[in-house]
Protein backbone atom coordinates (compact mmCIF):
# COMPACT_ATOMS: atom_id res chain seq x y z
CA MET A 1 -0.39 0.19 0.08
CA THR A 2 1.00 3.58 -0.51
CA THR A 3 1.24 6.22 1.52
CA SER A 4 -0.90 8.24 -0.22
CA SER A 5 -3.77 5.99 -0.14
CA ILE A 6 -4.10 6.49 3.09
CA ARG A 7 -5.52 9.70 5.09
CA ARG A 8 -3.32 11.38 7.70
CA ASP A 9 -5.68 12.11 10.90
CA THR A 10 -3.92 15.81 10.96
CA SER A 11 -6.86 16.57 13.71
CA HIS A 12 -4.83 17.24 16.29
CA ASP A 13 -1.51 19.20 14.45
CA ASP A 14 -1.89 22.49 15.14
CA ILE A 15 0.80 23.40 12.93
CA PRO A 16 1.01 26.60 10.81
CA ASP A 17 4.19 26.35 9.32
CA PRO A 18 5.73 22.23 9.53
CA MET A 19 9.37 22.77 8.94
CA ALA A 20 8.92 24.30 12.05
CA TRP A 21 7.21 21.34 13.65
CA ARG A 22 9.58 19.52 16.15
CA ASP A 23 9.67 16.09 17.49
CA LYS A 24 8.76 17.11 21.42
CA LYS A 25 8.81 13.05 22.29
CA ARG A 26 12.46 13.57 20.86
CA TYR A 27 14.05 12.84 24.22
CA LEU A 28 11.22 10.82 25.72
CA TRP A 29 12.50 7.96 23.72
CA LEU A 30 15.38 7.69 26.22
CA LEU A 31 12.42 5.96 28.24
CA GLY A 32 12.27 3.06 26.56
CA LEU A 33 15.36 2.30 27.89
CA ILE A 34 14.13 1.45 31.21
CA PRO A 35 13.13 -2.12 30.18
CA ALA A 36 16.67 -2.92 30.12
CA THR A 37 17.90 -0.86 32.80
CA ALA A 38 15.34 -1.74 35.66
CA ILE A 39 17.48 -4.68 37.41
CA PHE A 40 20.21 -2.15 37.08
CA VAL A 41 17.75 0.66 39.21
CA ALA A 42 15.95 -2.14 41.41
CA LEU A 43 19.76 -3.36 42.74
CA ALA A 44 20.91 0.42 43.32
CA LEU A 45 17.26 1.09 45.38
CA ILE A 46 17.64 -2.57 46.99
CA ALA A 47 21.35 -2.09 48.28
CA GLY A 48 20.72 1.56 49.12
CA VAL A 49 17.79 0.30 51.58
CA HIS A 50 19.08 -2.26 52.95
CA ALA A 51 22.18 0.21 53.98
CA ILE A 52 20.24 2.76 55.22
CA ALA A 53 18.69 0.22 57.22
CA ALA A 54 22.00 -1.43 58.41
CA HIS A 55 23.70 2.37 59.85
CA PHE A 56 20.63 3.66 61.41
CA ASP A 57 19.05 0.08 63.10
CA ASN A 58 15.58 1.48 62.30
CA PRO A 59 12.28 -0.75 63.06
CA ILE A 60 10.33 0.87 60.41
CA LEU A 61 14.13 1.15 57.94
CA ASN A 62 14.36 -2.79 58.74
CA VAL A 63 10.41 -3.44 57.35
CA LEU A 64 10.81 -1.13 54.50
CA ALA A 65 14.31 -3.08 53.62
CA THR A 66 12.38 -6.13 53.69
CA LEU A 67 9.45 -4.80 51.63
CA SER A 68 12.69 -4.01 49.53
CA ALA A 69 12.25 -7.69 47.79
CA ALA A 70 9.42 -6.60 46.31
CA LEU A 71 11.65 -4.76 43.36
CA PHE A 72 12.96 -8.08 42.35
CA TRP A 73 9.25 -7.38 40.26
CA ILE A 74 9.83 -4.16 39.16
CA GLY A 75 8.63 -5.98 35.81
CA PRO A 76 5.44 -6.84 36.10
CA ILE A 77 5.00 -3.59 38.37
CA LEU A 78 6.14 -1.78 35.40
CA VAL A 79 3.56 -3.79 32.45
CA TYR A 80 0.76 -4.00 34.99
CA GLY A 81 0.98 -1.02 36.91
CA LEU A 82 2.70 1.66 36.25
CA LEU A 83 1.97 1.75 32.49
CA PRO A 84 -1.96 1.53 32.52
CA VAL A 85 -1.72 3.94 35.21
CA LEU A 86 0.32 6.46 32.96
CA ASP A 87 -1.81 5.56 29.81
CA VAL A 88 -4.79 6.27 31.93
CA PHE A 89 -3.34 10.56 33.48
CA PHE A 90 -1.39 11.58 30.02
CA GLY A 91 -3.96 10.63 27.69
CA PRO A 92 -3.51 9.55 23.54
CA ASP A 93 -0.59 11.55 21.39
CA GLY A 94 -2.40 12.88 19.36
CA SER A 95 0.21 14.45 17.01
CA ASN A 96 1.21 13.45 14.18
CA PRO A 97 4.72 14.92 11.67
CA PRO A 98 4.34 16.85 9.19
CA ASP A 99 4.57 14.50 5.36
CA GLU A 100 6.86 17.28 4.38
CA ILE A 101 9.21 16.16 7.78
CA ILE A 102 9.20 12.81 7.51
CA GLU A 103 12.47 11.89 5.32
CA GLN A 104 14.55 14.34 7.26
CA LEU A 105 13.21 12.48 10.78
CA GLU A 106 13.61 9.09 8.99
CA LYS A 107 17.42 10.14 8.60
CA ASP A 108 17.80 11.61 12.08
CA LYS A 109 20.43 8.72 13.21
CA TYR A 110 19.33 9.69 17.32
CA TYR A 111 16.66 7.65 16.95
CA ARG A 112 18.38 5.20 15.89
CA TYR A 113 20.39 4.91 18.87
CA CYS A 114 17.75 5.87 21.21
CA ILE A 115 16.82 1.81 19.80
CA TYR A 116 20.49 0.33 19.46
CA ALA A 117 21.20 1.59 22.85
CA TYR A 118 18.59 -1.21 24.19
CA VAL A 119 20.64 -4.29 22.55
CA PRO A 120 23.74 -4.15 24.71
CA PHE A 121 21.73 -3.21 28.03
CA GLN A 122 19.12 -5.92 27.57
CA ILE A 123 22.92 -8.41 27.70
CA ALA A 124 24.17 -6.78 30.74
CA SER A 125 21.06 -7.17 32.21
CA LEU A 126 20.48 -11.30 31.31
CA PHE A 127 24.12 -11.57 32.63
CA THR A 128 23.88 -9.28 36.13
CA ALA A 129 20.25 -11.73 36.09
CA GLY A 130 22.11 -14.82 36.02
CA TYR A 131 24.66 -13.77 38.59
CA LEU A 132 21.67 -12.63 41.14
CA TRP A 133 19.46 -15.95 40.25
CA SER A 134 22.71 -18.43 40.65
CA ALA A 135 24.84 -16.35 43.58
CA GLY A 136 24.62 -18.48 46.96
CA ASP A 137 26.26 -14.77 48.89
CA LEU A 138 24.86 -11.44 48.18
CA SER A 139 25.90 -9.93 51.15
CA TRP A 140 26.71 -6.75 49.59
CA LEU A 141 23.43 -6.34 48.49
CA GLY A 142 21.97 -6.98 52.04
CA TYR A 143 21.27 -10.12 52.07
CA ASP A 144 23.22 -12.87 53.87
CA HIS A 145 22.64 -15.57 51.70
CA GLY A 146 21.15 -16.00 47.72
CA LEU A 147 17.72 -14.71 46.96
CA SER A 148 14.75 -16.33 48.27
CA LEU A 149 12.26 -18.32 45.74
CA VAL A 150 10.14 -15.60 45.17
CA SER A 151 12.36 -13.17 44.55
CA LYS A 152 13.81 -15.53 41.59
CA ILE A 153 10.59 -16.14 40.27
CA GLY A 154 10.14 -11.74 40.18
CA LEU A 155 13.12 -11.45 38.70
CA ALA A 156 13.14 -14.19 35.80
CA ILE A 157 9.79 -12.38 35.20
CA SER A 158 11.07 -9.26 35.36
CA VAL A 159 14.18 -10.23 32.81
CA GLY A 160 10.89 -11.70 30.53
CA VAL A 161 9.64 -8.28 30.31
CA MET A 162 13.00 -6.97 29.37
CA GLY A 163 13.35 -9.74 26.58
CA GLY A 164 9.31 -9.35 25.45
CA ILE A 165 10.09 -5.51 25.23
CA GLY A 166 13.32 -7.08 23.13
CA ILE A 167 11.25 -8.74 21.06
CA ASN A 168 9.99 -5.76 19.94
CA THR A 169 12.75 -3.59 19.29
CA ALA A 170 13.94 -6.88 17.48
CA HIS A 171 10.50 -5.93 15.53
CA GLU A 172 11.84 -2.51 15.04
CA LEU A 173 15.18 -3.18 13.60
CA GLY A 174 14.35 -6.19 11.65
CA HIS A 175 12.08 -4.37 9.16
CA LYS A 176 14.85 -1.96 7.92
CA LYS A 177 17.74 -2.72 5.13
CA GLU A 178 20.83 -2.45 7.49
CA ASN A 179 23.02 -5.21 8.07
CA LEU A 180 23.48 -4.08 11.41
CA GLU A 181 20.13 -3.52 12.26
CA ARG A 182 19.28 -7.52 10.87
CA TRP A 183 21.84 -8.47 12.81
CA ALA A 184 21.30 -6.81 15.53
CA SER A 185 17.83 -7.55 15.38
CA LYS A 186 18.53 -11.66 16.16
CA VAL A 187 21.03 -10.53 19.38
CA ALA A 188 18.00 -9.18 20.56
CA LEU A 189 15.57 -12.94 20.05
CA ALA A 190 18.96 -14.32 21.26
CA GLN A 191 17.48 -14.03 25.03
CA THR A 192 14.11 -15.61 24.16
CA PHE A 193 14.87 -18.03 21.33
CA TYR A 194 12.70 -16.59 19.42
CA GLY A 195 14.78 -15.96 16.34
CA HIS A 196 11.94 -17.68 13.77
CA PHE A 197 9.67 -13.92 14.84
CA PHE A 198 12.80 -12.50 12.46
CA ILE A 199 11.21 -14.49 8.86
CA GLU A 200 7.81 -15.45 10.14
CA HIS A 201 6.83 -11.39 11.13
CA ASN A 202 8.17 -9.62 8.44
CA ARG A 203 7.68 -12.73 5.11
CA GLY A 204 4.55 -14.19 7.18
CA HIS A 205 2.67 -12.35 9.26
CA HIS A 206 2.42 -9.04 6.93
CA VAL A 207 1.40 -10.73 4.02
CA ARG A 208 -1.04 -12.56 5.68
CA VAL A 209 -2.31 -10.04 9.02
CA ALA A 210 -5.97 -10.11 9.05
CA THR A 211 -6.74 -13.26 7.58
CA PRO A 212 -7.51 -17.36 8.96
CA GLU A 213 -4.46 -18.24 7.31
CA ASP A 214 -2.36 -16.26 9.90
CA PRO A 215 -1.75 -17.43 13.39
CA ALA A 216 -0.86 -14.69 15.18
CA THR A 217 -3.88 -12.52 13.64
CA SER A 218 -6.82 -13.49 17.22
CA ARG A 219 -10.17 -14.66 16.08
CA TYR A 220 -13.38 -12.96 17.28
CA GLY A 221 -14.34 -15.78 19.98
CA GLU A 222 -11.00 -16.91 20.32
CA SER A 223 -9.36 -16.92 24.00
CA PHE A 224 -6.03 -15.63 24.25
CA TRP A 225 -4.63 -18.82 25.90
CA ARG A 226 -6.42 -21.01 23.02
CA PHE A 227 -4.56 -18.40 21.13
CA LEU A 228 -1.00 -18.49 22.49
CA PRO A 229 -0.39 -21.94 21.99
CA ARG A 230 -1.71 -21.60 17.88
CA SER A 231 0.19 -18.46 17.21
CA VAL A 232 3.82 -20.43 19.01
CA TRP A 233 3.11 -23.34 17.15
CA GLY A 234 1.83 -21.99 13.49
CA SER A 235 4.69 -18.87 13.89
CA LEU A 236 7.54 -21.62 14.42
CA LYS A 237 6.18 -23.68 11.26
CA SER A 238 5.71 -20.99 9.29
CA SER A 239 9.10 -19.78 9.68
CA ILE A 240 10.74 -22.85 9.33
CA GLU A 241 8.67 -23.54 5.89
CA LEU A 242 9.06 -19.62 4.37
CA GLU A 243 13.01 -20.27 4.49
CA ARG A 244 12.69 -23.58 3.30
CA LYS A 245 10.71 -22.58 0.15
CA ARG A 246 13.01 -18.97 -0.37
CA LEU A 247 16.46 -21.43 0.05
CA GLN A 248 15.00 -23.95 -2.60
CA ARG A 249 14.68 -21.58 -5.02
CA ALA A 250 18.12 -20.29 -4.39
CA GLU A 251 19.22 -23.90 -4.50
CA LYS A 252 20.30 -24.38 -0.98
CA SER A 253 20.21 -27.27 1.89
CA PHE A 254 18.06 -25.94 4.04
CA TRP A 255 21.24 -26.47 6.62
CA HIS A 256 22.70 -23.33 4.63
CA PRO A 257 24.47 -21.05 7.06
CA SER A 258 22.47 -18.29 4.67
CA ASN A 259 19.24 -19.98 6.63
CA ASP A 260 18.06 -17.03 8.64
CA VAL A 261 15.97 -19.12 11.02
CA LEU A 262 18.97 -21.33 11.66
CA ASN A 263 21.59 -18.29 12.05
CA ALA A 264 18.98 -16.43 14.32
CA TRP A 265 18.73 -19.53 16.39
CA ALA A 266 22.83 -20.09 16.58
CA PHE A 267 22.56 -16.48 18.47
CA SER A 268 20.19 -18.02 20.97
CA ILE A 269 22.78 -21.05 21.12
CA VAL A 270 25.16 -18.70 21.93
CA LEU A 271 23.93 -16.95 24.61
CA TRP A 272 22.54 -19.69 26.53
CA GLY A 273 25.66 -21.37 26.17
CA ALA A 274 27.07 -18.56 28.29
CA MET A 275 25.28 -18.38 30.36
CA LEU A 276 25.37 -22.25 31.85
CA ALA A 277 28.92 -21.85 31.24
CA LEU A 278 29.10 -19.25 33.73
CA PHE A 279 26.34 -20.42 36.05
CA GLY A 280 25.89 -23.71 35.53
CA ILE A 281 22.72 -25.95 34.98
CA LYS A 282 21.04 -24.18 37.75
CA ILE A 283 20.82 -21.55 35.76
CA LEU A 284 18.38 -23.06 33.09
CA PRO A 285 14.97 -23.10 35.17
CA PHE A 286 16.03 -19.15 34.94
CA MET A 287 16.39 -18.93 31.20
CA ILE A 288 13.39 -21.27 30.37
CA ILE A 289 11.09 -18.73 32.26
CA GLN A 290 12.55 -15.67 31.04
CA ALA A 291 12.11 -16.79 27.48
CA VAL A 292 8.35 -18.10 28.11
CA TYR A 293 7.39 -15.35 29.62
CA GLY A 294 8.52 -12.96 27.53
CA PHE A 295 7.76 -14.49 24.24
CA SER A 296 4.19 -15.08 26.04
CA LEU A 297 4.24 -11.14 26.44
CA LEU A 298 4.93 -10.94 22.45
CA GLU A 299 2.49 -13.23 21.71
CA THR A 300 -0.01 -11.48 24.60
CA VAL A 301 0.28 -7.86 21.95
CA ASN A 302 -0.03 -9.45 19.17
CA TYR A 303 -3.34 -11.05 20.29
CA LEU A 304 -4.39 -7.11 20.52
CA GLU A 305 -3.48 -6.60 17.64
CA HIS A 306 -6.17 -7.32 14.83
CA TYR A 307 -8.61 -9.56 17.20
CA GLY A 308 -11.32 -10.42 15.13
CA LEU A 309 -10.31 -8.24 12.12
CA LEU A 310 -10.38 -9.58 8.96
CA ARG A 311 -9.61 -8.79 5.15
CA GLN A 312 -12.62 -9.13 2.81
CA LYS A 313 -12.18 -11.63 -0.23
CA THR A 314 -12.73 -9.48 -3.67
CA LYS A 315 -14.32 -11.06 -6.94
CA THR A 316 -11.12 -12.63 -8.32
CA GLY A 317 -10.61 -14.52 -4.60
CA ARG A 318 -7.80 -12.92 -3.13
CA TYR A 319 -8.12 -11.12 -0.13
CA GLU A 320 -8.19 -7.44 -0.01
CA ARG A 321 -4.88 -5.28 0.75
CA CYS A 322 -4.70 -4.53 4.07
CA THR A 323 -5.85 -0.84 5.08
CA PRO A 324 -5.71 0.70 8.23
CA GLN A 325 -8.89 -0.96 8.87
CA HIS A 326 -7.43 -4.18 10.13
CA SER A 327 -5.19 -3.45 12.82
CA TRP A 328 -6.38 -2.19 16.15
CA ASN A 329 -4.59 1.21 17.36
CA SER A 330 -4.19 2.93 20.14
CA ASP A 331 -2.15 6.35 20.53
CA HIS A 332 -1.63 6.59 24.61
CA ILE A 333 1.80 8.65 24.60
CA CYS A 334 3.42 6.02 27.49
CA THR A 335 3.02 3.15 26.10
CA ASN A 336 4.02 4.01 22.78
CA ILE A 337 7.22 5.57 24.07
CA PHE A 338 8.11 2.29 25.85
CA LEU A 339 7.15 0.24 22.90
CA TYR A 340 8.33 2.55 19.81
CA HIS A 341 4.66 3.40 18.34
CA LEU A 342 3.82 -0.61 18.12
CA GLN A 343 0.36 0.98 18.96
CA ARG A 344 0.43 3.14 15.68
CA HIS A 345 0.20 0.04 14.49
CA SER A 346 -2.09 0.47 11.20
CA ASP A 347 0.50 2.60 9.96
CA HIS A 348 3.67 0.42 10.77
CA HIS A 349 1.54 -2.31 8.05
CA ALA A 350 1.09 0.35 5.75
CA ASN A 351 5.24 0.85 5.69
CA PRO A 352 6.22 -1.26 7.53
CA THR A 353 10.40 0.21 6.78
CA ARG A 354 9.20 3.20 8.31
CA ARG A 355 11.03 4.12 11.45
CA TYR A 356 9.50 4.10 14.64
CA GLN A 357 9.21 8.24 15.36
CA VAL A 358 7.27 9.11 11.50
CA LEU A 359 4.76 6.66 12.10
CA ARG A 360 1.61 8.46 12.25
CA SER A 361 -1.97 7.77 13.98
CA PHE A 362 -5.19 7.51 11.91
CA ASP A 363 -8.88 8.43 12.18
CA GLU A 364 -10.03 5.48 10.47
CA ALA A 365 -8.43 3.03 12.32
CA PRO A 366 -10.66 0.98 15.13
CA ASN A 367 -8.95 2.01 18.32
CA LEU A 368 -8.57 -0.08 21.64
CA PRO A 369 -9.98 1.57 24.83
CA SER A 370 -6.81 2.23 26.65
CA GLY A 371 -2.85 1.20 25.52
CA TYR A 372 -1.34 -1.86 24.81
CA ALA A 373 -0.03 -2.08 28.71
CA SER A 374 -4.28 -1.88 30.01
CA MET A 375 -5.32 -4.25 26.92
CA ILE A 376 -3.18 -7.11 28.47
CA THR A 377 -4.35 -7.69 31.46
CA LEU A 378 -7.61 -7.70 30.03
CA ALA A 379 -6.29 -10.54 27.49
CA TYR A 380 -5.93 -12.76 30.47
CA VAL A 381 -9.28 -13.01 31.72
CA PRO A 382 -11.23 -14.08 28.56
CA PRO A 383 -15.04 -12.90 30.40
CA LEU A 384 -13.56 -9.67 30.67
CA TRP A 385 -12.26 -9.01 26.97
CA ARG A 386 -14.76 -10.06 25.15
CA LYS A 387 -16.57 -7.60 27.09
CA VAL A 388 -14.71 -4.85 26.30
CA MET A 389 -14.01 -6.28 22.79
CA ASP A 390 -16.65 -8.37 21.69
CA HIS A 391 -18.90 -4.95 21.00
CA ARG A 392 -15.95 -3.27 19.32
CA VAL A 393 -15.62 -5.36 16.51
CA LEU A 394 -19.28 -5.85 15.70
CA GLU A 395 -19.20 -2.31 15.42
CA HIS A 396 -16.55 -2.00 13.62
CA TYR A 397 -18.32 -3.75 11.19
CA ASP A 398 -21.87 -2.07 11.70
CA GLY A 399 -23.74 -4.60 13.50
CA ASP A 400 -22.17 -7.21 10.42
CA ILE A 401 -20.78 -10.16 12.36
CA THR A 402 -20.10 -12.09 9.35
CA LYS A 403 -17.25 -9.72 8.13
CA ALA A 404 -15.18 -10.41 10.81
CA ASN A 405 -12.34 -13.07 11.84
CA LEU A 406 -14.68 -14.99 14.06
CA GLN A 407 -13.04 -18.75 15.44
CA PRO A 408 -14.17 -21.45 13.51
CA ASN A 409 -15.43 -24.14 16.28
CA LYS A 410 -17.15 -21.47 17.48
CA ARG A 411 -18.71 -19.58 14.39
CA ASP A 412 -22.07 -21.57 14.25
CA LYS A 413 -22.57 -20.20 17.77
CA ILE A 414 -21.43 -16.64 17.10
CA LEU A 415 -24.15 -16.59 13.81
CA ALA A 416 -26.65 -17.95 15.47
CA ALA A 417 -26.52 -15.33 18.56
CA HIS A 418 -26.82 -12.76 16.17
CA GLY A 419 -29.50 -14.27 14.47
CA VAL A 420 -27.39 -15.20 11.72
CA ALA A 421 -28.18 -18.56 9.55
CA ALA A 422 -24.70 -20.64 9.49
């Protein structure tokens, strides 16, 4: 789809001179590094509270030192607590870059450095967390022994949050043409062992989005818990098949080094191998927990993005082009900062190589009632999700439920509930 085929939302753009426009979020993009550095912030706070409590020996400070262990859960605190509150408080963004300045913004390397920086912090945090999980003496941190089981689980999930958002970082990098960014994408995916996403998302999801054939498009009536294994397994199979066909056309073996699924997984093997070599076999539960949680967080976002939306078939039997109507959007500024404008999903599907800083919000795109961070929690509870989202799907199709992407085993029941013959 060309840029001109979709209308830019200018309802909030009171900018008489496009060339005088300034990106008010320019330095806010640095906040996207918070998930990758949160472990270091938590450690500083925990160590500080324990040091102060030990020095003054005050009962209240001692209680605070004990409670500071909750900071090992900083990842879920951020995703399920702080971000949804901030999204409500600050609300939608409402501003788009003028068309005349998009090329200039695209070439501004500052924005690239903001996202490049995520990857080394991500790796450093992973190794730091591995040390914390495996250490038997953390006296410098204020613990006579190692971490408790509860703290270890919180630590693994917090690192999983970092890895899940790291997949989104890899998503931004993997769409680009520069080799450095594409390889950096594979490094970011290594933590969660989700390297096949590099292939499936670009060459699978973007082709089949909002169709029953896409494993990463959720269906009306399908719960997240049913979608999760379907998307994980379906995306894995699809990525392997896509690479197999590409290599066959190039007259190469599936095991050729240029296989982008295999060489992406190779990064994971090296990274996981290094963790095992440094911290021993006891680090394996940590690696599994953080990886499963990380890619599940990514799949939760996949679930939100196209729920119930369907590209209709033309008279030729082919699916219509993907338009802004086929992605759920949200312009809530806080989650957008943390996810590099991922919530402006319609523009991303229209222009996959467009850099995050110039993605735009469209009036004609269906919108979620809040940011992704809020909707993730709803997705975990199917009755609440359906109460919030099912009527929005129906309204999007002007009451015609037959136009929605329906869960196959519930199709007849859904149609009957809306007075439509199966």
